[in-house]
Amino acid sequence: MLKRHQVLLTDWLAEYIWYIAKKYDMSFSEVIRAMLSVQFLRMISDLSSDYKPNLTDKEIVKILRQLATHKTAEEEMHKLLSKLYFETRKAIEFRLGKLGKKK
């Protein structure tokens, strides 16, 4: 479920996100979600040595490269993003559970 949030960005950061969004035919919000997901997944796996994601760095790079090619069909793009979001959600739930901050 998506919720609306206001985020203030510097001009240079917003400019780069718009660049990515236009280049890969994605929405501004989708680019932010994808970028946050990649970074949270990496950060949690670095912070928690006992957490091993099912999505390796090599697989993340492969997904990003596939998304970067305009040959990737829209359905395939959504499949790849869904995999990224699912793995990131598992990592976040693991981390929050470990910290005792799960809802």
PDB file of N, CA and C in Angstrom:
ATOM      1  N   MET A   1       0.837  -1.167   0.000  1.00  0.00           N
ATOM      2  CA  MET A   1       0.000   0.000   0.000  1.00  0.00           C
ATOM      3  C   MET A   1       0.890   1.240   0.000  1.00  0.00           C
ATOM      4  N   LEU A   2       0.589   2.154  -0.853  1.00  0.00           N
ATOM      5  CA  LEU A   2       1.365   3.381  -0.952  1.00  0.00           C
ATOM      6  C   LEU A   2       0.698   4.475  -0.136  1.00  0.00           C
ATOM      7  N   LYS A   3       1.514   5.261   0.543  1.00  0.00           N
ATOM      8  CA  LYS A   3       1.032   6.407   1.305  1.00  0.00           C
ATOM      9  C   LYS A   3       1.764   7.637   0.808  1.00  0.00           C
ATOM     10  N   ARG A   4       1.069   8.737   0.833  1.00  0.00           N
ATOM     11  CA  ARG A   4       1.650   9.991   0.374  1.00  0.00           C
ATOM     12  C   ARG A   4       2.468  10.617   1.510  1.00  0.00           C
ATOM     13  N   HIS A   5       3.690  11.055   1.158  1.00  0.00           N
ATOM     14  CA  HIS A   5       4.567  11.731   2.110  1.00  0.00           C
ATOM     15  C   HIS A   5       5.222  12.899   1.401  1.00  0.00           C
ATOM     16  N   GLN A   6       5.437  13.943   2.138  1.00  0.00           N
ATOM     17  CA  GLN A   6       6.132  15.088   1.566  1.00  0.00           C
ATOM     18  C   GLN A   6       7.616  14.965   1.902  1.00  0.00           C
ATOM     19  N   VAL A   7       8.443  15.092   0.887  1.00  0.00           N
ATOM     20  CA  VAL A   7       9.887  15.023   1.062  1.00  0.00           C
ATOM     21  C   VAL A   7      10.488  16.249   0.392  1.00  0.00           C
ATOM     22  N   LEU A   8      11.308  16.967   1.123  1.00  0.00           N
ATOM     23  CA  LEU A   8      11.978  18.130   0.563  1.00  0.00           C
ATOM     24  C   LEU A   8      13.357  17.706   0.062  1.00  0.00           C
ATOM     25  N   LEU A   9      13.631  18.009  -1.191  1.00  0.00           N
ATOM     26  CA  LEU A   9      14.887  17.621  -1.818  1.00  0.00           C
ATOM     27  C   LEU A   9      15.626  18.855  -2.310  1.00  0.00           C
ATOM     28  N   THR A  10      16.941  18.766  -2.292  1.00  0.00           N
ATOM     29  CA  THR A  10      17.720  19.840  -2.893  1.00  0.00           C
ATOM     30  C   THR A  10      17.511  19.806  -4.402  1.00  0.00           C
ATOM     31  N   ASP A  11      17.774  20.921  -5.039  1.00  0.00           N
ATOM     32  CA  ASP A  11      17.574  21.006  -6.494  1.00  0.00           C
ATOM     33  C   ASP A  11      18.381  19.961  -7.246  1.00  0.00           C
ATOM     34  N   TRP A  12      19.652  19.793  -6.881  1.00  0.00           N
ATOM     35  CA  TRP A  12      20.520  18.866  -7.605  1.00  0.00           C
ATOM     36  C   TRP A  12      20.062  17.434  -7.461  1.00  0.00           C
ATOM     37  N   LEU A  13      19.506  17.069  -6.300  1.00  0.00           N
ATOM     38  CA  LEU A  13      19.022  15.712  -6.098  1.00  0.00           C
ATOM     39  C   LEU A  13      17.741  15.479  -6.904  1.00  0.00           C
ATOM     40  N   ALA A  14      16.832  16.432  -6.846  1.00  0.00           N
ATOM     41  CA  ALA A  14      15.590  16.323  -7.615  1.00  0.00           C
ATOM     42  C   ALA A  14      15.881  16.290  -9.113  1.00  0.00           C
ATOM     43  N   GLU A  15      16.847  17.081  -9.547  1.00  0.00           N
ATOM     44  CA  GLU A  15      17.222  17.103 -10.968  1.00  0.00           C
ATOM     45  C   GLU A  15      17.708  15.730 -11.422  1.00  0.00           C
ATOM     46  N   TYR A  16      18.508  15.076 -10.587  1.00  0.00           N
ATOM     47  CA  TYR A  16      19.010  13.751 -10.961  1.00  0.00           C
ATOM     48  C   TYR A  16      17.887  12.718 -10.966  1.00  0.00           C
ATOM     49  N   ILE A  17      16.992  12.798 -10.016  1.00  0.00           N
ATOM     50  CA  ILE A  17      15.861  11.860  -9.975  1.00  0.00           C
ATOM     51  C   ILE A  17      14.984  12.045 -11.210  1.00  0.00           C
ATOM     52  N   TRP A  18      14.736  13.302 -11.604  1.00  0.00           N
ATOM     53  CA  TRP A  18      13.960  13.554 -12.818  1.00  0.00           C
ATOM     54  C   TRP A  18      14.687  13.004 -14.046  1.00  0.00           C
ATOM     55  N   TYR A  19      15.993  13.150 -14.077  1.00  0.00           N
ATOM     56  CA  TYR A  19      16.788  12.615 -15.182  1.00  0.00           C
ATOM     57  C   TYR A  19      16.591  11.102 -15.298  1.00  0.00           C
ATOM     58  N   ILE A  20      16.719  10.400 -14.173  1.00  0.00           N
ATOM     59  CA  ILE A  20      16.540   8.942 -14.148  1.00  0.00           C
ATOM     60  C   ILE A  20      15.112   8.584 -14.579  1.00  0.00           C
ATOM     61  N   ALA A  21      14.137   9.301 -14.031  1.00  0.00           N
ATOM     62  CA  ALA A  21      12.733   9.016 -14.332  1.00  0.00           C
ATOM     63  C   ALA A  21      12.443   9.150 -15.829  1.00  0.00           C
ATOM     64  N   LYS A  22      12.930  10.202 -16.427  1.00  0.00           N
ATOM     65  CA  LYS A  22      12.696  10.405 -17.861  1.00  0.00           C
ATOM     66  C   LYS A  22      13.450   9.382 -18.701  1.00  0.00           C
ATOM     67  N   LYS A  23      14.697   9.133 -18.318  1.00  0.00           N
ATOM     68  CA  LYS A  23      15.527   8.218 -19.093  1.00  0.00           C
ATOM     69  C   LYS A  23      14.947   6.810 -19.127  1.00  0.00           C
ATOM     70  N   TYR A  24      14.396   6.358 -17.998  1.00  0.00           N
ATOM     71  CA  TYR A  24      13.913   4.979 -17.899  1.00  0.00           C
ATOM     72  C   TYR A  24      12.391   4.874 -17.902  1.00  0.00           C
ATOM     73  N   ASP A  25      11.730   5.981 -18.231  1.00  0.00           N
ATOM     74  CA  ASP A  25      10.277   6.012 -18.335  1.00  0.00           C
ATOM     75  C   ASP A  25       9.615   5.521 -17.044  1.00  0.00           C
ATOM     76  N   MET A  26      10.052   6.092 -15.952  1.00  0.00           N
ATOM     77  CA  MET A  26       9.499   5.769 -14.637  1.00  0.00           C
ATOM     78  C   MET A  26       8.976   7.059 -14.022  1.00  0.00           C
ATOM     79  N   SER A  27       8.118   6.912 -13.022  1.00  0.00           N
ATOM     80  CA  SER A  27       7.643   8.099 -12.323  1.00  0.00           C
ATOM     81  C   SER A  27       8.700   8.551 -11.320  1.00  0.00           C
ATOM     82  N   PHE A  28       8.623   9.796 -10.937  1.00  0.00           N
ATOM     83  CA  PHE A  28       9.522  10.363  -9.947  1.00  0.00           C
ATOM     84  C   PHE A  28       9.450   9.541  -8.652  1.00  0.00           C
ATOM     85  N   SER A  29       8.247   9.213  -8.223  1.00  0.00           N
ATOM     86  CA  SER A  29       8.049   8.434  -6.999  1.00  0.00           C
ATOM     87  C   SER A  29       8.635   7.032  -7.114  1.00  0.00           C
ATOM     88  N   GLU A  30       8.475   6.412  -8.264  1.00  0.00           N
ATOM     89  CA  GLU A  30       9.004   5.055  -8.473  1.00  0.00           C
ATOM     90  C   GLU A  30      10.527   5.047  -8.384  1.00  0.00           C
ATOM     91  N   VAL A  31      11.159   6.068  -8.933  1.00  0.00           N
ATOM     92  CA  VAL A  31      12.616   6.160  -8.860  1.00  0.00           C
ATOM     93  C   VAL A  31      13.053   6.303  -7.403  1.00  0.00           C
ATOM     94  N   ILE A  32      12.367   7.140  -6.649  1.00  0.00           N
ATOM     95  CA  ILE A  32      12.712   7.308  -5.232  1.00  0.00           C
ATOM     96  C   ILE A  32      12.530   5.996  -4.484  1.00  0.00           C
ATOM     97  N   ARG A  33      11.416   5.291  -4.724  1.00  0.00           N
ATOM     98  CA  ARG A  33      11.187   4.008  -4.048  1.00  0.00           C
ATOM     99  C   ARG A  33      12.269   2.993  -4.390  1.00  0.00           C
ATOM    100  N   ALA A  34      12.636   2.931  -5.655  1.00  0.00           N
ATOM    101  CA  ALA A  34      13.670   1.973  -6.079  1.00  0.00           C
ATOM    102  C   ALA A  34      15.019   2.317  -5.454  1.00  0.00           C
ATOM    103  N   MET A  35      15.379   3.589  -5.478  1.00  0.00           N
ATOM    104  CA  MET A  35      16.665   3.999  -4.909  1.00  0.00           C
ATOM    105  C   MET A  35      16.716   3.745  -3.402  1.00  0.00           C
ATOM    106  N   LEU A  36      15.647   4.078  -2.716  1.00  0.00           N
ATOM    107  CA  LEU A  36      15.597   3.817  -1.272  1.00  0.00           C
ATOM    108  C   LEU A  36      15.668   2.328  -0.980  1.00  0.00           C
ATOM    109  N   SER A  37      14.982   1.542  -1.776  1.00  0.00           N
ATOM    110  CA  SER A  37      14.984   0.093  -1.570  1.00  0.00           C
ATOM    111  C   SER A  37      16.378  -0.489  -1.712  1.00  0.00           C
ATOM    112  N   VAL A  38      17.079  -0.088  -2.763  1.00  0.00           N
ATOM    113  CA  VAL A  38      18.439  -0.586  -2.972  1.00  0.00           C
ATOM    114  C   VAL A  38      19.316  -0.201  -1.783  1.00  0.00           C
ATOM    115  N   GLN A  39      19.228   1.046  -1.359  1.00  0.00           N
ATOM    116  CA  GLN A  39      20.087   1.502  -0.279  1.00  0.00           C
ATOM    117  C   GLN A  39      19.730   0.863   1.062  1.00  0.00           C
ATOM    118  N   PHE A  40      18.446   0.707   1.353  1.00  0.00           N
ATOM    119  CA  PHE A  40      18.050   0.055   2.613  1.00  0.00           C
ATOM    120  C   PHE A  40      18.481  -1.403   2.630  1.00  0.00           C
ATOM    121  N   LEU A  41      18.321  -2.082   1.527  1.00  0.00           N
ATOM    122  CA  LEU A  41      18.727  -3.485   1.453  1.00  0.00           C
ATOM    123  C   LEU A  41      20.227  -3.622   1.706  1.00  0.00           C
ATOM    124  N   ARG A  42      21.014  -2.790   1.060  1.00  0.00           N
ATOM    125  CA  ARG A  42      22.472  -2.817   1.262  1.00  0.00           C
ATOM    126  C   ARG A  42      22.842  -2.434   2.692  1.00  0.00           C
ATOM    127  N   MET A  43      22.221  -1.385   3.201  1.00  0.00           N
ATOM    128  CA  MET A  43      22.563  -0.892   4.531  1.00  0.00           C
ATOM    129  C   MET A  43      22.232  -1.917   5.607  1.00  0.00           C
ATOM    130  N   ILE A  44      21.075  -2.537   5.517  1.00  0.00           N
ATOM    131  CA  ILE A  44      20.660  -3.521   6.519  1.00  0.00           C
ATOM    132  C   ILE A  44      21.562  -4.749   6.466  1.00  0.00           C
ATOM    133  N   SER A  45      21.918  -5.181   5.277  1.00  0.00           N
ATOM    134  CA  SER A  45      22.808  -6.340   5.197  1.00  0.00           C
ATOM    135  C   SER A  45      24.197  -5.995   5.731  1.00  0.00           C
ATOM    136  N   ASP A  46      24.622  -4.741   5.616  1.00  0.00           N
ATOM    137  CA  ASP A  46      25.907  -4.316   6.182  1.00  0.00           C
ATOM    138  C   ASP A  46      25.830  -4.158   7.700  1.00  0.00           C
ATOM    139  N   LEU A  47      24.711  -3.651   8.211  1.00  0.00           N
ATOM    140  CA  LEU A  47      24.558  -3.427   9.647  1.00  0.00           C
ATOM    141  C   LEU A  47      24.322  -4.719  10.424  1.00  0.00           C
ATOM    142  N   SER A  48      23.630  -5.655   9.819  1.00  0.00           N
ATOM    143  CA  SER A  48      23.289  -6.910  10.498  1.00  0.00           C
ATOM    144  C   SER A  48      24.040  -8.055   9.838  1.00  0.00           C
ATOM    145  N   SER A  49      25.136  -8.436  10.443  1.00  0.00           N
ATOM    146  CA  SER A  49      25.952  -9.499   9.851  1.00  0.00           C
ATOM    147  C   SER A  49      25.221 -10.841   9.809  1.00  0.00           C
ATOM    148  N   ASP A  50      24.190 -10.995  10.660  1.00  0.00           N
ATOM    149  CA  ASP A  50      23.440 -12.249  10.660  1.00  0.00           C
ATOM    150  C   ASP A  50      22.297 -12.254   9.647  1.00  0.00           C
ATOM    151  N   TYR A  51      22.124 -11.154   8.907  1.00  0.00           N
ATOM    152  CA  TYR A  51      21.091 -11.120   7.867  1.00  0.00           C
ATOM    153  C   TYR A  51      21.746 -11.302   6.500  1.00  0.00           C
ATOM    154  N   LYS A  52      21.306 -12.291   5.799  1.00  0.00           N
ATOM    155  CA  LYS A  52      21.796 -12.552   4.448  1.00  0.00           C
ATOM    156  C   LYS A  52      20.619 -12.434   3.482  1.00  0.00           C
ATOM    157  N   PRO A  53      20.584 -11.364   2.707  1.00  0.00           N
ATOM    158  CA  PRO A  53      19.457 -11.187   1.778  1.00  0.00           C
ATOM    159  C   PRO A  53      19.472 -12.233   0.669  1.00  0.00           C
ATOM    160  N   ASN A  54      18.304 -12.535   0.156  1.00  0.00           N
ATOM    161  CA  ASN A  54      18.187 -13.462  -0.967  1.00  0.00           C
ATOM    162  C   ASN A  54      18.560 -12.783  -2.283  1.00  0.00           C
ATOM    163  N   LEU A  55      18.823 -11.505  -2.216  1.00  0.00           N
ATOM    164  CA  LEU A  55      19.176 -10.717  -3.389  1.00  0.00           C
ATOM    165  C   LEU A  55      20.589 -10.185  -3.169  1.00  0.00           C
ATOM    166  N   THR A  56      21.551 -10.704  -3.911  1.00  0.00           N
ATOM    167  CA  THR A  56      22.943 -10.306  -3.733  1.00  0.00           C
ATOM    168  C   THR A  56      23.220  -8.983  -4.443  1.00  0.00           C
ATOM    169  N   ASP A  57      24.372  -8.401  -4.130  1.00  0.00           N
ATOM    170  CA  ASP A  57      24.773  -7.166  -4.808  1.00  0.00           C
ATOM    171  C   ASP A  57      24.850  -7.367  -6.320  1.00  0.00           C
ATOM    172  N   LYS A  58      25.364  -8.525  -6.730  1.00  0.00           N
ATOM    173  CA  LYS A  58      25.458  -8.813  -8.167  1.00  0.00           C
ATOM    174  C   LYS A  58      24.078  -8.862  -8.807  1.00  0.00           C
ATOM    175  N   GLU A  59      23.108  -9.450  -8.088  1.00  0.00           N
ATOM    176  CA  GLU A  59      21.742  -9.521  -8.620  1.00  0.00           C
ATOM    177  C   GLU A  59      21.106  -8.132  -8.674  1.00  0.00           C
ATOM    178  N   ILE A  60      21.394  -7.295  -7.691  1.00  0.00           N
ATOM    179  CA  ILE A  60      20.867  -5.926  -7.700  1.00  0.00           C
ATOM    180  C   ILE A  60      21.429  -5.169  -8.898  1.00  0.00           C
ATOM    181  N   VAL A  61      22.720  -5.304  -9.119  1.00  0.00           N
ATOM    182  CA  VAL A  61      23.347  -4.646 -10.276  1.00  0.00           C
ATOM    183  C   VAL A  61      22.738  -5.172 -11.570  1.00  0.00           C
ATOM    184  N   LYS A  62      22.496  -6.481 -11.632  1.00  0.00           N
ATOM    185  CA  LYS A  62      21.880  -7.077 -12.823  1.00  0.00           C
ATOM    186  C   LYS A  62      20.484  -6.489 -13.056  1.00  0.00           C
ATOM    187  N   ILE A  63      19.701  -6.361 -11.980  1.00  0.00           N
ATOM    188  CA  ILE A  63      18.365  -5.775 -12.088  1.00  0.00           C
ATOM    189  C   ILE A  63      18.456  -4.339 -12.583  1.00  0.00           C
ATOM    190  N   LEU A  64      19.362  -3.559 -11.996  1.00  0.00           N
ATOM    191  CA  LEU A  64      19.509  -2.159 -12.399  1.00  0.00           C
ATOM    192  C   LEU A  64      19.943  -2.046 -13.854  1.00  0.00           C
ATOM    193  N   ARG A  65      20.818  -2.936 -14.277  1.00  0.00           N
ATOM    194  CA  ARG A  65      21.248  -2.913 -15.689  1.00  0.00           C
ATOM    195  C   ARG A  65      20.106  -3.305 -16.616  1.00  0.00           C
ATOM    196  N   GLN A  66      19.305  -4.283 -16.193  1.00  0.00           N
ATOM    197  CA  GLN A  66      18.164  -4.679 -17.020  1.00  0.00           C
ATOM    198  C   GLN A  66      17.165  -3.529 -17.127  1.00  0.00           C
ATOM    199  N   LEU A  67      16.963  -2.817 -16.016  1.00  0.00           N
ATOM    200  CA  LEU A  67      16.047  -1.683 -16.044  1.00  0.00           C
ATOM    201  C   LEU A  67      16.596  -0.551 -16.907  1.00  0.00           C
ATOM    202  N   ALA A  68      17.917  -0.477 -16.987  1.00  0.00           N
ATOM    203  CA  ALA A  68      18.556   0.594 -17.758  1.00  0.00           C
ATOM    204  C   ALA A  68      18.421   0.397 -19.258  1.00  0.00           C
ATOM    205  N   THR A  69      18.160  -0.828 -19.680  1.00  0.00           N
ATOM    206  CA  THR A  69      17.993  -1.059 -21.114  1.00  0.00           C
ATOM    207  C   THR A  69      16.532  -0.824 -21.481  1.00  0.00           C
ATOM    208  N   HIS A  70      16.347  -0.157 -22.556  1.00  0.00           N
ATOM    209  CA  HIS A  70      14.975   0.107 -22.992  1.00  0.00           C
ATOM    210  C   HIS A  70      14.337  -1.139 -23.598  1.00  0.00           C
ATOM    211  N   LYS A  71      15.099  -2.226 -23.651  1.00  0.00           N
ATOM    212  CA  LYS A  71      14.574  -3.474 -24.179  1.00  0.00           C
ATOM    213  C   LYS A  71      13.704  -4.193 -23.152  1.00  0.00           C
ATOM    214  N   THR A  72      13.814  -3.766 -21.885  1.00  0.00           N
ATOM    215  CA  THR A  72      13.050  -4.406 -20.821  1.00  0.00           C
ATOM    216  C   THR A  72      11.584  -4.015 -20.962  1.00  0.00           C
ATOM    217  N   ALA A  73      10.733  -4.997 -21.117  1.00  0.00           N
ATOM    218  CA  ALA A  73       9.304  -4.740 -21.245  1.00  0.00           C
ATOM    219  C   ALA A  73       8.760  -4.216 -19.922  1.00  0.00           C
ATOM    220  N   GLU A  74       7.665  -3.479 -19.997  1.00  0.00           N
ATOM    221  CA  GLU A  74       7.072  -2.887 -18.798  1.00  0.00           C
ATOM    222  C   GLU A  74       6.718  -3.958 -17.767  1.00  0.00           C
ATOM    223  N   GLU A  75       6.179  -5.071 -18.224  1.00  0.00           N
ATOM    224  CA  GLU A  75       5.818  -6.164 -17.313  1.00  0.00           C
ATOM    225  C   GLU A  75       7.066  -6.720 -16.613  1.00  0.00           C
ATOM    226  N   GLU A  76       8.144  -6.866 -17.357  1.00  0.00           N
ATOM    227  CA  GLU A  76       9.396  -7.365 -16.785  1.00  0.00           C
ATOM    228  C   GLU A  76       9.969  -6.362 -15.789  1.00  0.00           C
ATOM    229  N   MET A  77       9.858  -5.073 -16.107  1.00  0.00           N
ATOM    230  CA  MET A  77      10.335  -4.036 -15.202  1.00  0.00           C
ATOM    231  C   MET A  77       9.598  -4.117 -13.873  1.00  0.00           C
ATOM    232  N   HIS A  78       8.289  -4.279 -13.917  1.00  0.00           N
ATOM    233  CA  HIS A  78       7.501  -4.377 -12.685  1.00  0.00           C
ATOM    234  C   HIS A  78       7.864  -5.644 -11.908  1.00  0.00           C
ATOM    235  N   LYS A  79       8.153  -6.706 -12.616  1.00  0.00           N
ATOM    236  CA  LYS A  79       8.562  -7.954 -11.962  1.00  0.00           C
ATOM    237  C   LYS A  79       9.881  -7.762 -11.215  1.00  0.00           C
ATOM    238  N   LEU A  80      10.843  -7.114 -11.864  1.00  0.00           N
ATOM    239  CA  LEU A  80      12.137  -6.864 -11.249  1.00  0.00           C
ATOM    240  C   LEU A  80      12.011  -5.937 -10.041  1.00  0.00           C
ATOM    241  N   LEU A  81      11.224  -4.873 -10.187  1.00  0.00           N
ATOM    242  CA  LEU A  81      11.018  -3.950  -9.071  1.00  0.00           C
ATOM    243  C   LEU A  81      10.296  -4.640  -7.917  1.00  0.00           C
ATOM    244  N   SER A  82       9.337  -5.491  -8.228  1.00  0.00           N
ATOM    245  CA  SER A  82       8.620  -6.226  -7.183  1.00  0.00           C
ATOM    246  C   SER A  82       9.567  -7.114  -6.388  1.00  0.00           C
ATOM    247  N   LYS A  83      10.480  -7.756  -7.073  1.00  0.00           N
ATOM    248  CA  LYS A  83      11.471  -8.599  -6.391  1.00  0.00           C
ATOM    249  C   LYS A  83      12.333  -7.747  -5.466  1.00  0.00           C
ATOM    250  N   LEU A  84      12.772  -6.595  -5.958  1.00  0.00           N
ATOM    251  CA  LEU A  84      13.577  -5.683  -5.148  1.00  0.00           C
ATOM    252  C   LEU A  84      12.791  -5.216  -3.920  1.00  0.00           C
ATOM    253  N   TYR A  85      11.543  -4.811  -4.101  1.00  0.00           N
ATOM    254  CA  TYR A  85      10.723  -4.325  -2.988  1.00  0.00           C
ATOM    255  C   TYR A  85      10.464  -5.433  -1.970  1.00  0.00           C
ATOM    256  N   PHE A  86      10.196  -6.640  -2.446  1.00  0.00           N
ATOM    257  CA  PHE A  86       9.924  -7.761  -1.550  1.00  0.00           C
ATOM    258  C   PHE A  86      11.133  -8.060  -0.672  1.00  0.00           C
ATOM    259  N   GLU A  87      12.305  -8.127  -1.289  1.00  0.00           N
ATOM    260  CA  GLU A  87      13.526  -8.422  -0.532  1.00  0.00           C
ATOM    261  C   GLU A  87      13.849  -7.301   0.456  1.00  0.00           C
ATOM    262  N   THR A  88      13.595  -6.066   0.049  1.00  0.00           N
ATOM    263  CA  THR A  88      13.836  -4.931   0.949  1.00  0.00           C
ATOM    264  C   THR A  88      12.864  -4.962   2.122  1.00  0.00           C
ATOM    265  N   ARG A  89      11.623  -5.306   1.855  1.00  0.00           N
ATOM    266  CA  ARG A  89      10.641  -5.394   2.941  1.00  0.00           C
ATOM    267  C   ARG A  89      11.054  -6.462   3.948  1.00  0.00           C
ATOM    268  N   LYS A  90      11.505  -7.608   3.471  1.00  0.00           N
ATOM    269  CA  LYS A  90      11.966  -8.664   4.380  1.00  0.00           C
ATOM    270  C   LYS A  90      13.142  -8.168   5.222  1.00  0.00           C
ATOM    271  N   ALA A  91      14.057  -7.447   4.607  1.00  0.00           N
ATOM    272  CA  ALA A  91      15.221  -6.929   5.331  1.00  0.00           C
ATOM    273  C   ALA A  91      14.801  -5.922   6.400  1.00  0.00           C
ATOM    274  N   ILE A  92      13.887  -5.038   6.058  1.00  0.00           N
ATOM    275  CA  ILE A  92      13.416  -4.036   7.019  1.00  0.00           C
ATOM    276  C   ILE A  92      12.677  -4.704   8.170  1.00  0.00           C
ATOM    277  N   GLU A  93      11.828  -5.682   7.869  1.00  0.00           N
ATOM    278  CA  GLU A  93      11.115  -6.393   8.927  1.00  0.00           C
ATOM    279  C   GLU A  93      12.096  -7.134   9.838  1.00  0.00           C
ATOM    280  N   PHE A  94      13.130  -7.719   9.263  1.00  0.00           N
ATOM    281  CA  PHE A  94      14.159  -8.389  10.049  1.00  0.00           C
ATOM    282  C   PHE A  94      14.832  -7.390  10.985  1.00  0.00           C
ATOM    283  N   ARG A  95      15.249  -6.260  10.430  1.00  0.00           N
ATOM    284  CA  ARG A  95      15.972  -5.248  11.212  1.00  0.00           C
ATOM    285  C   ARG A  95      15.098  -4.676  12.325  1.00  0.00           C
ATOM    286  N   LEU A  96      13.850  -4.339  12.008  1.00  0.00           N
ATOM    287  CA  LEU A  96      12.957  -3.800  13.037  1.00  0.00           C
ATOM    288  C   LEU A  96      12.675  -4.834  14.120  1.00  0.00           C
ATOM    289  N   GLY A  97      12.505  -6.094  13.721  1.00  0.00           N
ATOM    290  CA  GLY A  97      12.287  -7.164  14.685  1.00  0.00           C
ATOM    291  C   GLY A  97      13.480  -7.332  15.604  1.00  0.00           C
ATOM    292  N   LYS A  98      14.657  -7.223  15.027  1.00  0.00           N
ATOM    293  CA  LYS A  98      15.877  -7.365  15.810  1.00  0.00           C
ATOM    294  C   LYS A  98      16.027  -6.213  16.804  1.00  0.00           C
ATOM    295  N   LEU A  99      15.598  -5.029  16.415  1.00  0.00           N
ATOM    296  CA  LEU A  99      15.685  -3.860  17.279  1.00  0.00           C
ATOM    297  C   LEU A  99      14.516  -3.779  18.257  1.00  0.00           C
ATOM    298  N   GLY A 100      13.536  -4.698  18.114  1.00  0.00           N
ATOM    299  CA  GLY A 100      12.368  -4.685  18.976  1.00  0.00           C
ATOM    300  C   GLY A 100      11.427  -3.537  18.688  1.00  0.00           C
ATOM    301  N   LYS A 101      11.425  -3.063  17.457  1.00  0.00           N
ATOM    302  CA  LYS A 101      10.599  -1.908  17.097  1.00  0.00           C
ATOM    303  C   LYS A 101       9.523  -2.267  16.075  1.00  0.00           C
ATOM    304  N   LYS A 102       9.230  -3.540  15.957  1.00  0.00           N
ATOM    305  CA  LYS A 102       8.210  -3.953  14.994  1.00  0.00           C
ATOM    306  C   LYS A 102       6.843  -3.613  15.547  1.00  0.00           C
ATOM    307  N   LYS A 103       5.949  -3.166  14.688  1.00  0.00           N
ATOM    308  CA  LYS A 103       4.585  -2.782  15.100  1.00  0.00           C
ATOM    309  C   LYS A 103       3.860  -3.946  15.737  1.00  0.00           C
TER     310      LYS A 103
END
